[in-house]
Protein backbone atom coordinates (compact mmCIF):
# COMPACT_ATOMS: atom_id res chain seq x y z
CA UNK A 1 -0.06 0.05 -0.11
CA UNK A 2 1.58 3.49 -0.90
CA UNK A 3 1.65 6.41 1.37
CA UNK A 4 -0.88 8.12 -0.25
CA UNK A 5 -3.36 5.57 0.01
CA UNK A 6 -2.62 4.96 3.51
CA UNK A 7 -2.98 8.83 4.72
CA UNK A 8 -5.43 11.10 3.37
CA UNK A 9 -4.20 14.63 2.79
CA UNK A 10 -5.20 16.89 5.78
CA UNK A 11 -7.30 19.73 4.74
CA UNK A 12 -9.28 22.45 6.68
CA UNK A 13 -13.10 22.43 5.86
CA UNK A 14 -15.81 24.29 7.35
CA UNK A 15 -16.47 21.09 9.35
CA UNK A 16 -13.70 22.40 11.53
CA UNK A 17 -14.93 25.81 11.72
CA UNK A 18 -15.63 27.26 15.38
CA UNK A 19 -16.76 30.52 13.77
CA UNK A 20 -14.38 32.85 15.42
CA UNK A 21 -12.62 34.39 12.69
CA UNK A 22 -9.06 34.44 14.26
CA UNK A 23 -9.13 30.95 15.66
CA UNK A 24 -10.38 29.51 12.31
CA UNK A 25 -7.65 31.34 10.40
CA UNK A 26 -5.09 29.99 12.97
CA UNK A 27 -6.32 26.41 12.60
CA UNK A 28 -6.01 26.75 8.55
CA UNK A 29 -2.43 27.73 9.25
CA UNK A 30 -1.86 24.66 11.40
CA UNK A 31 -3.82 22.57 8.81
CA UNK A 32 -1.55 23.60 6.18
CA UNK A 33 1.57 23.35 8.13
CA UNK A 34 0.61 19.67 8.95
CA UNK A 35 0.11 19.16 5.03
CA UNK A 36 3.49 20.76 4.37
CA UNK A 37 5.20 18.12 6.43
CA UNK A 38 3.07 15.61 4.83
CA UNK A 39 3.74 16.42 1.27
CA UNK A 40 7.53 16.17 2.32
CA UNK A 41 7.05 12.84 3.68
CA UNK A 42 5.21 11.58 0.44
CA UNK A 43 7.79 12.80 -1.56
CA UNK A 44 10.51 11.09 0.47
CA UNK A 45 8.52 7.81 0.30
CA UNK A 46 7.53 7.69 -3.36
CA UNK A 47 10.85 8.46 -4.48
CA UNK A 48 13.03 6.29 -2.05
CA UNK A 49 15.44 9.02 -2.13
CA UNK A 50 17.22 10.66 0.56
CA UNK A 51 15.43 11.89 3.57
CA UNK A 52 13.44 15.03 3.13
CA UNK A 53 14.33 18.39 4.92
CA UNK A 54 11.83 18.30 7.52
CA UNK A 55 13.61 20.68 9.83
CA UNK A 56 11.81 23.77 8.06
CA UNK A 57 8.12 22.51 7.83
CA UNK A 58 8.44 20.86 11.35
CA UNK A 59 9.37 24.50 12.96
CA UNK A 60 6.76 26.22 11.24
CA UNK A 61 4.18 23.39 12.59
CA UNK A 62 5.57 24.04 16.10
CA UNK A 63 5.70 27.69 15.70
CA UNK A 64 2.19 27.69 14.59
CA UNK A 65 0.74 25.16 17.40
CA UNK A 66 2.65 26.98 20.12
CA UNK A 67 1.49 30.36 19.04
CA UNK A 68 -2.33 29.11 18.48
CA UNK A 69 -2.46 27.36 21.89
CA UNK A 70 -1.22 30.55 23.55
CA UNK A 71 -3.66 32.70 21.97
CA UNK A 72 -6.63 30.65 22.62
CA UNK A 73 -5.54 30.20 26.26
CA UNK A 74 -5.31 34.30 26.79
CA UNK A 75 -8.76 34.41 24.99
CA UNK A 76 -10.27 31.69 27.47
CA UNK A 77 -8.71 33.54 30.49
CA UNK A 78 -9.93 37.28 29.37
CA UNK A 79 -13.45 35.54 28.87
CA UNK A 80 -13.11 33.60 32.32
CA UNK A 81 -13.95 30.45 30.06
CA UNK A 82 -15.28 27.93 32.55
CA UNK A 83 -13.77 24.86 30.78
CA UNK A 84 -10.46 26.54 30.55
CA UNK A 85 -8.40 23.78 32.71
CA UNK A 86 -9.95 21.03 30.81
CA UNK A 87 -9.15 22.71 27.32
CA UNK A 88 -5.69 23.67 28.61
CA UNK A 89 -4.90 20.19 29.67
CA UNK A 90 -5.89 18.94 26.10
CA UNK A 91 -3.30 21.61 24.71
CA UNK A 92 -0.69 20.48 26.99
CA UNK A 93 -1.25 16.91 26.34
CA UNK A 94 -0.80 17.67 22.43
CA UNK A 95 2.54 20.02 23.17
CA UNK A 96 3.95 17.02 24.96
CA UNK A 97 3.10 14.48 22.54
CA UNK A 98 4.19 16.71 19.49
CA UNK A 99 7.35 17.50 21.49
CA UNK A 100 8.22 14.14 21.43
CA UNK A 101 7.48 13.40 17.81
CA UNK A 102 9.72 16.52 17.03
CA UNK A 103 12.39 15.13 19.10
CA UNK A 104 12.46 11.94 17.09
CA UNK A 105 12.35 13.97 13.68
CA UNK A 106 15.41 15.90 14.77
CA UNK A 107 17.13 12.61 15.16
CA UNK A 108 16.26 11.67 11.54
CA UNK A 109 13.44 9.32 12.41
CA UNK A 110 11.09 9.44 9.42
CA UNK A 111 8.61 7.23 10.94
CA UNK A 112 8.04 9.75 13.43
CA UNK A 113 7.08 12.34 11.03
CA UNK A 114 4.44 10.02 9.74
CA UNK A 115 3.29 9.47 13.31
CA UNK A 116 3.00 13.31 13.98
CA UNK A 117 0.90 13.61 10.78
CA UNK A 118 -1.20 10.83 11.80
CA UNK A 119 -1.52 11.91 15.46
CA UNK A 120 -2.39 15.45 14.53
CA UNK A 121 -4.90 14.54 12.14
CA UNK A 122 -7.11 12.60 14.32
CA UNK A 123 -6.18 15.10 17.25
CA UNK A 124 -7.20 18.16 15.16
CA UNK A 125 -10.29 16.63 13.81
CA UNK A 126 -11.70 15.76 17.27
CA UNK A 127 -10.13 18.97 18.97
CA UNK A 128 -11.48 21.63 16.63
CA UNK A 129 -15.07 19.71 16.54
CA UNK A 130 -15.76 19.74 20.14
CA UNK A 131 -13.33 21.69 22.50
CA UNK A 132 -12.77 24.50 20.22
CA UNK A 133 -16.43 24.70 19.06
CA UNK A 134 -17.40 24.68 22.68
CA UNK A 135 -14.70 27.51 23.21
CA UNK A 136 -15.95 29.43 20.17
CA UNK A 137 -19.43 29.34 21.12
CA UNK A 138 -18.62 30.53 24.76
CA UNK A 139 -16.79 33.42 22.93
CA UNK A 140 -19.19 34.31 20.58
CA UNK A 141 -21.98 34.41 23.44
CA UNK A 142 -19.48 36.61 25.52
CA UNK A 143 -19.17 38.94 22.65
CA UNK A 144 -23.00 39.23 21.92
CA UNK A 145 -23.41 39.96 25.68
CA UNK A 146 -21.03 42.82 25.64
CA UNK A 147 -22.34 44.22 22.40
CA UNK A 148 -25.74 44.13 24.12
CA UNK A 149 -24.64 45.62 27.28
CA UNK A 150 -23.03 48.45 25.47
CA UNK A 151 -26.02 48.79 23.24
CA UNK A 152 -28.48 48.92 26.41
CA UNK A 153 -25.96 51.35 28.26
CA UNK A 154 -25.32 53.59 25.46
CA UNK A 155 -29.25 54.36 24.56
CA UNK A 156 -30.54 54.87 28.22
CA UNK A 157 -29.66 56.99 31.18
CA UNK A 158 -27.09 55.00 33.54
CA UNK A 159 -30.05 55.13 35.96
CA UNK A 160 -32.39 53.39 33.87
CA UNK A 161 -30.09 50.41 33.39
CA UNK A 162 -29.68 47.23 35.30
CA UNK A 163 -26.05 46.79 35.44
CA UNK A 164 -24.79 43.46 36.27
CA UNK A 165 -21.03 42.52 36.80
CA UNK A 166 -18.96 39.46 35.62
CA UNK A 167 -20.30 37.33 38.40
CA UNK A 168 -23.92 37.96 37.71
CA UNK A 169 -24.24 40.78 40.63
CA UNK A 170 -25.97 43.83 40.29
CA UNK A 171 -24.04 47.01 40.87
CA UNK A 172 -24.82 50.95 40.47
CA UNK A 173 -21.94 52.58 38.32
CA UNK A 174 -23.09 56.18 39.34
CA UNK A 175 -22.48 55.16 43.19
CA UNK A 176 -18.80 54.60 41.93
CA UNK A 177 -18.57 58.17 40.65
CA UNK A 178 -19.35 59.90 44.20
């Protein structure tokens, strides 16, 4: 069985969308970085020539993954996302696993490149469709709430609004001015 038949190309599609543009754009970059490693490996396996230069595409992938995870985690902290710990644990596990593969790739193990692509293909599919979709929904709902609060606060006198803090408690913003 050839490499091309054994492993389908990883491509981003709307089935992976979380509907938060900045997150979807970063996911597209990660998918592209995985596809670049996949293409380099396919080229090597089909030609049976010297091992491909995987260093650059591997470093690009790592930069995309590390940057994206850090960005998502900042968004989750800023939004006080209730599933932050669970979501971050998934990121930590993926960081650790990808790091193991990268170490093996750096030592010239082409099979580790195949294992990395296989691992990330499944992990990205599952993670974007569940954990990241949950995050996307929470971020969209938070943004809608902020827009609604801004709209209500901007169209009525301050004393005509029911003001609610991030914890759901009421407060009077005019009392803070005195």
